[in-house]
Structures are given as C-alpha cells and as structure tokens.
Amino acid sequence: MRPTLGRLGQWLRYGTVSLVATTTSLTVLGVLVSTTAVPAGIANVIATAVGTFPSFELNRRWVWRRTGRRSMKAELLPFWVLSFTGLALSTLTVSLAAVWADSTGLDGFARTAVIELANVAAWGSLWVAQFVILDRFLFRTQATSANPPVAATVTDEAT
C-alpha cells in the first residue's frame, strides 16, 4: 500500500510542476501574443524555452528526488529534446490556432485565449507520455525499476 501512496505523491508533485511550468510559459506567451510584436509561433518557442528551466529543475529535484551534479548527456540534453519535441507539436497547434483566430476576425482577449487554449491542448496531450519517459528513462533510479520511490535515496553531493 505504501508504494502506491508514494506514486500518488509523485504524480501530485509532477502535476504541480506542470502547473508551475505551464503558468510560466502561458504568462510569457500571453504577454508576447497580446502585444502582437512577435508572431504566435515564435512567441511559443520563447515561452516554452522559459518554462523548460523550472520544469527540469523541479522535476529532477522534487518529483524524482535527484540531487547532485546534473548530467548533460543523460539528463539535460534528453530533457531538452523531449521539451522541444513537445514544442514542435505545440508550435504547430498554436500557429494553426492563430491563423484560424485571424481568419475569423478574433482579436484581443479572444485571439489570445484561443492561442493559449491550443497550447494547453497540445501539451496536455503529451503530459502522461512525458511522465512515463521521465520515470522510466530519464530520471530512472534503481527504486523506480522495481518499486515506485517512497523517499529520497540519493544524497546531495554538490549543490
């Protein structure tokens, strides 16, 4: 029963990290799109890049309890590849939503809302898949392969 509670806690932390990263990205996206100074697709790239920083660090440290030095090859690079694969899908979705909003005459708040909803829909469709990839491959620990983590087992060597 305890491993199930540990896994539930991990999902709740993962969801919280997603809310932080999404709020960060949507704030940046909303500001850039509402000013119309940056095309929606480019604004989405910038917003995703900004949101990826807290997502990586919070997932690594808080959700998967990884501490110590980061591995560029085993953690950072794959996380960025995963994030930017999601970015490709969300940028396509956001760009199509912007074209649709413009073609229907939406502007201001309505245009921004349509673009942000498209962004959330694209990322939401990848949410569960990302958890599995992070859990089974990227932030995998020996505890993860046999049982869900209940408590931190890795010590903080250098912060």
N, C-alpha and C. Protein backbone atom coordinates (compact mmCIF):
# COMPACT_ATOMS: atom_id res chain seq x y z
N MET A 1 0.83 -1.19 0.00
CA MET A 1 0.00 0.00 0.00
C MET A 1 0.87 1.25 0.00
N ARG A 2 1.97 1.23 0.71
CA ARG A 2 2.83 2.42 0.81
C ARG A 2 3.42 2.83 -0.54
N PRO A 3 3.90 1.88 -1.38
CA PRO A 3 4.40 2.32 -2.69
C PRO A 3 3.35 3.03 -3.52
N THR A 4 2.09 2.63 -3.41
CA THR A 4 1.02 3.30 -4.14
C THR A 4 0.87 4.74 -3.67
N LEU A 5 0.96 4.95 -2.35
CA LEU A 5 0.90 6.32 -1.83
C LEU A 5 2.10 7.13 -2.30
N GLY A 6 3.26 6.49 -2.37
CA GLY A 6 4.45 7.17 -2.87
C GLY A 6 4.28 7.58 -4.33
N ARG A 7 3.70 6.71 -5.12
CA ARG A 7 3.47 7.00 -6.54
C ARG A 7 2.43 8.10 -6.70
N LEU A 8 1.40 8.07 -5.88
CA LEU A 8 0.38 9.12 -5.92
C LEU A 8 1.01 10.48 -5.59
N GLY A 9 1.84 10.50 -4.57
CA GLY A 9 2.54 11.74 -4.22
C GLY A 9 3.42 12.23 -5.35
N GLN A 10 4.05 11.29 -6.04
CA GLN A 10 4.91 11.66 -7.17
C GLN A 10 4.06 12.26 -8.30
N TRP A 11 2.91 11.68 -8.58
CA TRP A 11 2.02 12.23 -9.60
C TRP A 11 1.53 13.63 -9.21
N LEU A 12 1.22 13.80 -7.93
CA LEU A 12 0.78 15.12 -7.47
C LEU A 12 1.90 16.16 -7.60
N ARG A 13 3.12 15.78 -7.26
CA ARG A 13 4.26 16.70 -7.43
C ARG A 13 4.48 17.00 -8.91
N TYR A 14 4.37 15.97 -9.75
CA TYR A 14 4.53 16.15 -11.20
C TYR A 14 3.47 17.11 -11.74
N GLY A 15 2.24 16.94 -11.26
CA GLY A 15 1.17 17.85 -11.68
C GLY A 15 1.42 19.28 -11.23
N THR A 16 1.95 19.43 -10.03
CA THR A 16 2.27 20.77 -9.52
C THR A 16 3.38 21.41 -10.35
N VAL A 17 4.41 20.63 -10.69
CA VAL A 17 5.48 21.14 -11.54
C VAL A 17 4.92 21.55 -12.89
N SER A 18 4.02 20.75 -13.42
CA SER A 18 3.39 21.09 -14.70
C SER A 18 2.63 22.41 -14.61
N LEU A 19 1.95 22.62 -13.49
CA LEU A 19 1.23 23.89 -13.30
C LEU A 19 2.20 25.07 -13.25
N VAL A 20 3.32 24.91 -12.55
CA VAL A 20 4.32 25.98 -12.48
C VAL A 20 4.89 26.28 -13.86
N ALA A 21 5.30 25.23 -14.56
CA ALA A 21 5.90 25.42 -15.90
C ALA A 21 4.87 25.98 -16.88
N THR A 22 3.64 25.48 -16.81
CA THR A 22 2.58 25.96 -17.71
C THR A 22 2.24 27.42 -17.42
N THR A 23 2.14 27.76 -16.15
CA THR A 23 1.85 29.15 -15.79
C THR A 23 2.96 30.07 -16.28
N THR A 24 4.18 29.64 -16.10
CA THR A 24 5.33 30.43 -16.57
C THR A 24 5.26 30.61 -18.09
N SER A 25 5.09 29.49 -18.80
CA SER A 25 5.04 29.55 -20.27
C SER A 25 3.85 30.36 -20.78
N LEU A 26 2.67 30.14 -20.19
CA LEU A 26 1.49 30.86 -20.65
C LEU A 26 1.57 32.36 -20.35
N THR A 27 2.21 32.70 -19.26
CA THR A 27 2.38 34.14 -18.96
C THR A 27 3.26 34.79 -20.02
N VAL A 28 4.37 34.14 -20.33
CA VAL A 28 5.26 34.68 -21.37
C VAL A 28 4.54 34.69 -22.72
N LEU A 29 3.86 33.59 -23.06
CA LEU A 29 3.13 33.51 -24.33
C LEU A 29 2.05 34.59 -24.41
N GLY A 30 1.29 34.74 -23.34
CA GLY A 30 0.22 35.75 -23.34
C GLY A 30 0.74 37.15 -23.53
N VAL A 31 1.83 37.48 -22.85
CA VAL A 31 2.41 38.82 -22.99
C VAL A 31 2.90 39.03 -24.43
N LEU A 32 3.61 38.06 -24.97
CA LEU A 32 4.15 38.22 -26.32
C LEU A 32 3.05 38.26 -27.38
N VAL A 33 2.03 37.41 -27.24
CA VAL A 33 0.96 37.36 -28.24
C VAL A 33 0.04 38.58 -28.14
N SER A 34 -0.25 39.01 -26.91
CA SER A 34 -1.17 40.14 -26.76
C SER A 34 -0.59 41.45 -27.28
N THR A 35 0.73 41.55 -27.27
CA THR A 35 1.35 42.76 -27.82
C THR A 35 1.46 42.67 -29.34
N THR A 36 1.25 41.49 -29.90
CA THR A 36 1.39 41.18 -31.32
C THR A 36 2.73 41.64 -31.90
N ALA A 37 3.70 41.85 -31.05
CA ALA A 37 5.04 42.23 -31.51
C ALA A 37 5.80 41.03 -32.03
N VAL A 38 5.38 39.83 -31.62
CA VAL A 38 6.07 38.60 -32.00
C VAL A 38 5.02 37.66 -32.59
N PRO A 39 5.30 37.03 -33.73
CA PRO A 39 4.34 36.05 -34.27
C PRO A 39 4.10 34.93 -33.26
N ALA A 40 2.90 34.35 -33.28
CA ALA A 40 2.49 33.36 -32.29
C ALA A 40 3.46 32.18 -32.22
N GLY A 41 3.92 31.69 -33.36
CA GLY A 41 4.84 30.54 -33.36
C GLY A 41 6.16 30.85 -32.66
N ILE A 42 6.72 32.01 -32.95
CA ILE A 42 7.98 32.42 -32.31
C ILE A 42 7.75 32.68 -30.82
N ALA A 43 6.63 33.30 -30.49
CA ALA A 43 6.29 33.55 -29.09
C ALA A 43 6.20 32.23 -28.33
N ASN A 44 5.67 31.20 -28.96
CA ASN A 44 5.55 29.89 -28.32
C ASN A 44 6.92 29.26 -28.08
N VAL A 45 7.84 29.43 -29.01
CA VAL A 45 9.21 28.92 -28.82
C VAL A 45 9.85 29.59 -27.61
N ILE A 46 9.74 30.89 -27.54
CA ILE A 46 10.31 31.65 -26.42
C ILE A 46 9.66 31.22 -25.11
N ALA A 47 8.34 31.13 -25.10
CA ALA A 47 7.61 30.75 -23.88
C ALA A 47 7.98 29.36 -23.41
N THR A 48 8.11 28.43 -24.33
CA THR A 48 8.48 27.06 -23.96
C THR A 48 9.90 27.01 -23.41
N ALA A 49 10.81 27.72 -24.04
CA ALA A 49 12.19 27.75 -23.54
C ALA A 49 12.24 28.29 -22.12
N VAL A 50 11.50 29.34 -21.85
CA VAL A 50 11.48 29.93 -20.50
C VAL A 50 10.87 28.94 -19.50
N GLY A 51 9.78 28.27 -19.86
CA GLY A 51 9.13 27.32 -18.96
C GLY A 51 9.89 26.03 -18.73
N THR A 52 10.82 25.71 -19.64
CA THR A 52 11.58 24.47 -19.52
C THR A 52 12.55 24.51 -18.33
N PHE A 53 13.07 25.69 -18.00
CA PHE A 53 14.02 25.78 -16.89
C PHE A 53 13.41 25.33 -15.56
N PRO A 54 12.28 25.92 -15.12
CA PRO A 54 11.72 25.44 -13.85
C PRO A 54 11.21 24.00 -13.95
N SER A 55 10.74 23.60 -15.12
CA SER A 55 10.24 22.24 -15.29
C SER A 55 11.35 21.22 -15.06
N PHE A 56 12.50 21.42 -15.67
CA PHE A 56 13.60 20.48 -15.50
C PHE A 56 14.03 20.40 -14.04
N GLU A 57 14.29 21.53 -13.46
CA GLU A 57 14.85 21.54 -12.10
C GLU A 57 13.86 21.00 -11.08
N LEU A 58 12.60 21.39 -11.16
CA LEU A 58 11.61 20.90 -10.21
C LEU A 58 11.33 19.41 -10.41
N ASN A 59 11.24 18.96 -11.66
CA ASN A 59 11.03 17.52 -11.90
C ASN A 59 12.20 16.71 -11.36
N ARG A 60 13.38 17.16 -11.65
CA ARG A 60 14.58 16.43 -11.23
C ARG A 60 14.69 16.35 -9.72
N ARG A 61 14.58 17.48 -9.07
CA ARG A 61 14.81 17.54 -7.62
C ARG A 61 13.60 17.13 -6.78
N TRP A 62 12.43 17.61 -7.13
CA TRP A 62 11.27 17.44 -6.28
C TRP A 62 10.47 16.19 -6.63
N VAL A 63 10.23 15.94 -7.92
CA VAL A 63 9.40 14.81 -8.32
C VAL A 63 10.19 13.51 -8.25
N TRP A 64 11.40 13.50 -8.83
CA TRP A 64 12.19 12.28 -8.87
C TRP A 64 13.34 12.26 -7.85
N ARG A 65 13.40 13.25 -6.99
CA ARG A 65 14.35 13.29 -5.87
C ARG A 65 15.81 13.11 -6.30
N ARG A 66 16.15 13.61 -7.47
CA ARG A 66 17.53 13.53 -7.95
C ARG A 66 18.30 14.74 -7.45
N THR A 67 19.45 14.52 -6.87
CA THR A 67 20.29 15.60 -6.39
C THR A 67 21.71 15.37 -6.91
N GLY A 68 22.57 16.26 -6.58
CA GLY A 68 23.94 16.12 -7.06
C GLY A 68 24.11 16.78 -8.42
N ARG A 69 25.21 16.46 -9.03
CA ARG A 69 25.54 17.06 -10.33
C ARG A 69 24.59 16.58 -11.41
N ARG A 70 24.27 17.49 -12.31
CA ARG A 70 23.44 17.16 -13.47
C ARG A 70 24.32 16.57 -14.56
N SER A 71 23.78 15.62 -15.27
CA SER A 71 24.50 15.05 -16.40
C SER A 71 23.96 15.68 -17.69
N MET A 72 24.86 16.32 -18.41
CA MET A 72 24.45 16.94 -19.68
C MET A 72 23.92 15.88 -20.64
N LYS A 73 24.64 14.77 -20.75
CA LYS A 73 24.29 13.72 -21.70
C LYS A 73 23.07 12.90 -21.26
N ALA A 74 23.00 12.56 -19.98
CA ALA A 74 21.95 11.67 -19.51
C ALA A 74 20.68 12.38 -19.06
N GLU A 75 20.77 13.67 -18.72
CA GLU A 75 19.60 14.37 -18.20
C GLU A 75 19.24 15.62 -18.98
N LEU A 76 20.15 16.57 -19.05
CA LEU A 76 19.81 17.86 -19.66
C LEU A 76 19.46 17.74 -21.14
N LEU A 77 20.32 17.14 -21.91
CA LEU A 77 20.08 17.03 -23.35
C LEU A 77 18.80 16.26 -23.66
N PRO A 78 18.58 15.08 -23.07
CA PRO A 78 17.32 14.38 -23.35
C PRO A 78 16.08 15.16 -22.90
N PHE A 79 16.18 15.86 -21.76
CA PHE A 79 15.04 16.65 -21.29
C PHE A 79 14.72 17.75 -22.29
N TRP A 80 15.74 18.43 -22.78
CA TRP A 80 15.51 19.49 -23.77
C TRP A 80 14.96 18.92 -25.08
N VAL A 81 15.45 17.75 -25.50
CA VAL A 81 14.91 17.12 -26.71
C VAL A 81 13.43 16.79 -26.50
N LEU A 82 13.09 16.24 -25.34
CA LEU A 82 11.70 15.93 -25.03
C LEU A 82 10.85 17.20 -25.03
N SER A 83 11.36 18.24 -24.39
CA SER A 83 10.62 19.50 -24.32
C SER A 83 10.43 20.12 -25.70
N PHE A 84 11.45 20.06 -26.53
CA PHE A 84 11.34 20.69 -27.83
C PHE A 84 10.61 19.82 -28.86
N THR A 85 10.45 18.53 -28.57
CA THR A 85 9.54 17.71 -29.38
C THR A 85 8.10 18.14 -29.09
N GLY A 86 7.82 18.35 -27.80
CA GLY A 86 6.51 18.90 -27.43
C GLY A 86 6.32 20.28 -28.00
N LEU A 87 7.39 21.05 -28.02
CA LEU A 87 7.34 22.39 -28.60
C LEU A 87 6.95 22.35 -30.07
N ALA A 88 7.49 21.40 -30.82
CA ALA A 88 7.15 21.30 -32.24
C ALA A 88 5.64 21.09 -32.41
N LEU A 89 5.08 20.18 -31.62
CA LEU A 89 3.65 19.94 -31.69
C LEU A 89 2.86 21.17 -31.25
N SER A 90 3.28 21.79 -30.14
CA SER A 90 2.52 22.95 -29.65
C SER A 90 2.67 24.15 -30.57
N THR A 91 3.84 24.32 -31.18
CA THR A 91 4.03 25.44 -32.10
C THR A 91 3.15 25.29 -33.33
N LEU A 92 3.07 24.07 -33.85
CA LEU A 92 2.18 23.82 -34.98
C LEU A 92 0.74 24.13 -34.58
N THR A 93 0.34 23.64 -33.41
CA THR A 93 -1.02 23.85 -32.92
C THR A 93 -1.31 25.34 -32.69
N VAL A 94 -0.37 26.04 -32.05
CA VAL A 94 -0.53 27.47 -31.78
C VAL A 94 -0.59 28.26 -33.08
N SER A 95 0.26 27.92 -34.02
CA SER A 95 0.27 28.63 -35.31
C SER A 95 -1.04 28.44 -36.05
N LEU A 96 -1.54 27.20 -36.06
CA LEU A 96 -2.82 26.93 -36.72
C LEU A 96 -3.96 27.66 -36.00
N ALA A 97 -3.91 27.70 -34.68
CA ALA A 97 -4.94 28.42 -33.92
C ALA A 97 -4.90 29.91 -34.22
N ALA A 98 -3.70 30.47 -34.36
CA ALA A 98 -3.58 31.90 -34.67
C ALA A 98 -4.13 32.20 -36.06
N VAL A 99 -3.83 31.34 -37.02
CA VAL A 99 -4.36 31.52 -38.38
C VAL A 99 -5.88 31.46 -38.35
N TRP A 100 -6.42 30.47 -37.62
CA TRP A 100 -7.87 30.35 -37.52
C TRP A 100 -8.47 31.58 -36.84
N ALA A 101 -7.88 32.00 -35.72
CA ALA A 101 -8.41 33.17 -34.99
C ALA A 101 -8.38 34.41 -35.88
N ASP A 102 -7.30 34.59 -36.61
CA ASP A 102 -7.19 35.75 -37.51
C ASP A 102 -8.21 35.68 -38.64
N SER A 103 -8.42 34.47 -39.18
CA SER A 103 -9.35 34.32 -40.30
C SER A 103 -10.80 34.53 -39.88
N THR A 104 -11.09 34.33 -38.61
CA THR A 104 -12.45 34.55 -38.12
C THR A 104 -12.65 35.94 -37.52
N GLY A 105 -11.58 36.74 -37.55
CA GLY A 105 -11.69 38.11 -37.07
C GLY A 105 -11.54 38.28 -35.57
N LEU A 106 -11.07 37.26 -34.89
CA LEU A 106 -10.86 37.41 -33.45
C LEU A 106 -9.66 38.32 -33.20
N ASP A 107 -9.75 39.10 -32.16
CA ASP A 107 -8.61 39.91 -31.77
C ASP A 107 -8.62 40.09 -30.25
N GLY A 108 -7.59 40.70 -29.75
CA GLY A 108 -7.51 40.98 -28.32
C GLY A 108 -7.57 39.73 -27.48
N PHE A 109 -8.41 39.78 -26.44
CA PHE A 109 -8.52 38.69 -25.48
C PHE A 109 -8.95 37.38 -26.14
N ALA A 110 -9.90 37.43 -27.04
CA ALA A 110 -10.41 36.21 -27.67
C ALA A 110 -9.32 35.51 -28.47
N ARG A 111 -8.54 36.27 -29.24
CA ARG A 111 -7.43 35.70 -30.01
C ARG A 111 -6.40 35.08 -29.09
N THR A 112 -6.03 35.80 -28.04
CA THR A 112 -5.05 35.29 -27.08
C THR A 112 -5.56 34.02 -26.40
N ALA A 113 -6.84 34.00 -26.03
CA ALA A 113 -7.43 32.84 -25.36
C ALA A 113 -7.40 31.61 -26.27
N VAL A 114 -7.74 31.79 -27.55
CA VAL A 114 -7.74 30.67 -28.49
C VAL A 114 -6.33 30.10 -28.63
N ILE A 115 -5.34 30.98 -28.75
CA ILE A 115 -3.95 30.55 -28.91
C ILE A 115 -3.47 29.83 -27.64
N GLU A 116 -3.79 30.37 -26.48
CA GLU A 116 -3.36 29.72 -25.23
C GLU A 116 -4.08 28.38 -25.02
N LEU A 117 -5.35 28.29 -25.38
CA LEU A 117 -6.05 27.00 -25.27
C LEU A 117 -5.44 25.96 -26.20
N ALA A 118 -5.03 26.37 -27.37
CA ALA A 118 -4.36 25.45 -28.29
C ALA A 118 -3.06 24.95 -27.69
N ASN A 119 -2.32 25.85 -27.04
CA ASN A 119 -1.08 25.49 -26.38
C ASN A 119 -1.32 24.46 -25.28
N VAL A 120 -2.31 24.71 -24.43
CA VAL A 120 -2.63 23.79 -23.33
C VAL A 120 -3.09 22.43 -23.87
N ALA A 121 -3.88 22.43 -24.92
CA ALA A 121 -4.36 21.17 -25.50
C ALA A 121 -3.19 20.34 -26.05
N ALA A 122 -2.25 20.99 -26.71
CA ALA A 122 -1.11 20.26 -27.27
C ALA A 122 -0.25 19.67 -26.15
N TRP A 123 0.09 20.49 -25.16
CA TRP A 123 0.93 19.99 -24.06
C TRP A 123 0.18 18.97 -23.22
N GLY A 124 -1.10 19.18 -23.01
CA GLY A 124 -1.89 18.23 -22.22
C GLY A 124 -1.92 16.85 -22.84
N SER A 125 -1.92 16.80 -24.17
CA SER A 125 -1.94 15.50 -24.85
C SER A 125 -0.63 14.74 -24.64
N LEU A 126 0.42 15.44 -24.29
CA LEU A 126 1.73 14.80 -24.08
C LEU A 126 2.06 14.55 -22.61
N TRP A 127 1.22 15.00 -21.70
CA TRP A 127 1.52 15.01 -20.27
C TRP A 127 1.83 13.62 -19.71
N VAL A 128 0.96 12.65 -19.95
CA VAL A 128 1.16 11.30 -19.41
C VAL A 128 2.37 10.64 -20.06
N ALA A 129 2.51 10.81 -21.35
CA ALA A 129 3.67 10.22 -22.04
C ALA A 129 4.97 10.78 -21.48
N GLN A 130 5.01 12.05 -21.19
CA GLN A 130 6.22 12.66 -20.63
C GLN A 130 6.53 12.07 -19.25
N PHE A 131 5.51 11.86 -18.42
CA PHE A 131 5.75 11.26 -17.11
C PHE A 131 6.43 9.90 -17.26
N VAL A 132 5.90 9.07 -18.14
CA VAL A 132 6.45 7.73 -18.34
C VAL A 132 7.90 7.81 -18.83
N ILE A 133 8.17 8.69 -19.76
CA ILE A 133 9.54 8.83 -20.28
C ILE A 133 10.48 9.31 -19.19
N LEU A 134 10.07 10.31 -18.42
CA LEU A 134 10.91 10.81 -17.33
C LEU A 134 11.14 9.73 -16.28
N ASP A 135 10.08 9.00 -15.94
CA ASP A 135 10.16 8.00 -14.89
C ASP A 135 10.96 6.77 -15.30
N ARG A 136 10.73 6.29 -16.48
CA ARG A 136 11.34 5.02 -16.90
C ARG A 136 12.71 5.18 -17.55
N PHE A 137 13.01 6.35 -18.05
CA PHE A 137 14.27 6.52 -18.78
C PHE A 137 15.13 7.64 -18.22
N LEU A 138 14.62 8.85 -18.23
CA LEU A 138 15.47 10.00 -17.93
C LEU A 138 15.89 10.10 -16.47
N PHE A 139 14.94 10.03 -15.54
CA PHE A 139 15.26 10.15 -14.12
C PHE A 139 15.13 8.81 -13.40
N ARG A 140 15.30 7.76 -14.13
CA ARG A 140 15.18 6.40 -13.60
C ARG A 140 16.17 6.19 -12.45
N THR A 141 15.69 5.55 -11.41
CA THR A 141 16.57 5.13 -10.32
C THR A 141 16.37 3.64 -10.13
N GLN A 142 17.21 3.03 -9.34
CA GLN A 142 17.04 1.60 -9.07
C GLN A 142 15.70 1.35 -8.39
N ALA A 143 15.28 2.27 -7.53
CA ALA A 143 13.99 2.12 -6.87
C ALA A 143 12.84 2.16 -7.88
N THR A 144 12.98 2.97 -8.92
CA THR A 144 11.92 3.11 -9.92
C THR A 144 11.73 1.83 -10.70
N SER A 145 12.83 1.12 -11.00
CA SER A 145 12.70 -0.07 -11.83
C SER A 145 11.99 -1.21 -11.08
N ALA A 146 12.13 -1.27 -9.76
CA ALA A 146 11.48 -2.33 -9.00
C ALA A 146 10.19 -1.84 -8.34
N ASN A 147 10.26 -0.69 -7.67
CA ASN A 147 9.13 -0.13 -6.95
C ASN A 147 9.12 1.37 -7.13
N PRO A 148 7.96 1.99 -7.05
CA PRO A 148 7.92 3.46 -7.10
C PRO A 148 8.68 4.04 -5.91
N PRO A 149 9.35 5.17 -6.09
CA PRO A 149 10.11 5.76 -4.99
C PRO A 149 9.19 6.24 -3.87
N VAL A 150 9.60 5.98 -2.65
CA VAL A 150 8.84 6.43 -1.49
C VAL A 150 9.56 7.58 -0.82
N ALA A 151 10.87 7.49 -0.76
CA ALA A 151 11.67 8.54 -0.14
C ALA A 151 12.95 8.72 -0.94
N ALA A 152 13.59 9.84 -0.74
CA ALA A 152 14.83 10.11 -1.45
C ALA A 152 15.89 9.10 -1.02
N THR A 153 16.62 8.56 -2.01
CA THR A 153 17.68 7.62 -1.71
C THR A 153 19.03 8.13 -2.18
N VAL A 154 19.02 9.19 -2.96
CA VAL A 154 20.26 9.76 -3.48
C VAL A 154 20.65 10.92 -2.59
N THR A 155 21.90 10.98 -2.19
CA THR A 155 22.33 12.09 -1.35
C THR A 155 22.79 13.26 -2.20
N ASP A 156 22.72 14.43 -1.65
CA ASP A 156 23.12 15.63 -2.34
C ASP A 156 24.63 15.78 -2.22
N GLU A 157 25.34 15.55 -3.32
CA GLU A 157 26.79 15.62 -3.30
C GLU A 157 27.30 17.03 -3.52
N ALA A 158 26.65 17.77 -4.42
CA ALA A 158 27.12 19.14 -4.72
C ALA A 158 25.94 19.96 -5.21
N THR A 159 25.67 21.03 -4.52
CA THR A 159 24.59 21.92 -4.98
C THR A 159 25.09 23.30 -5.15
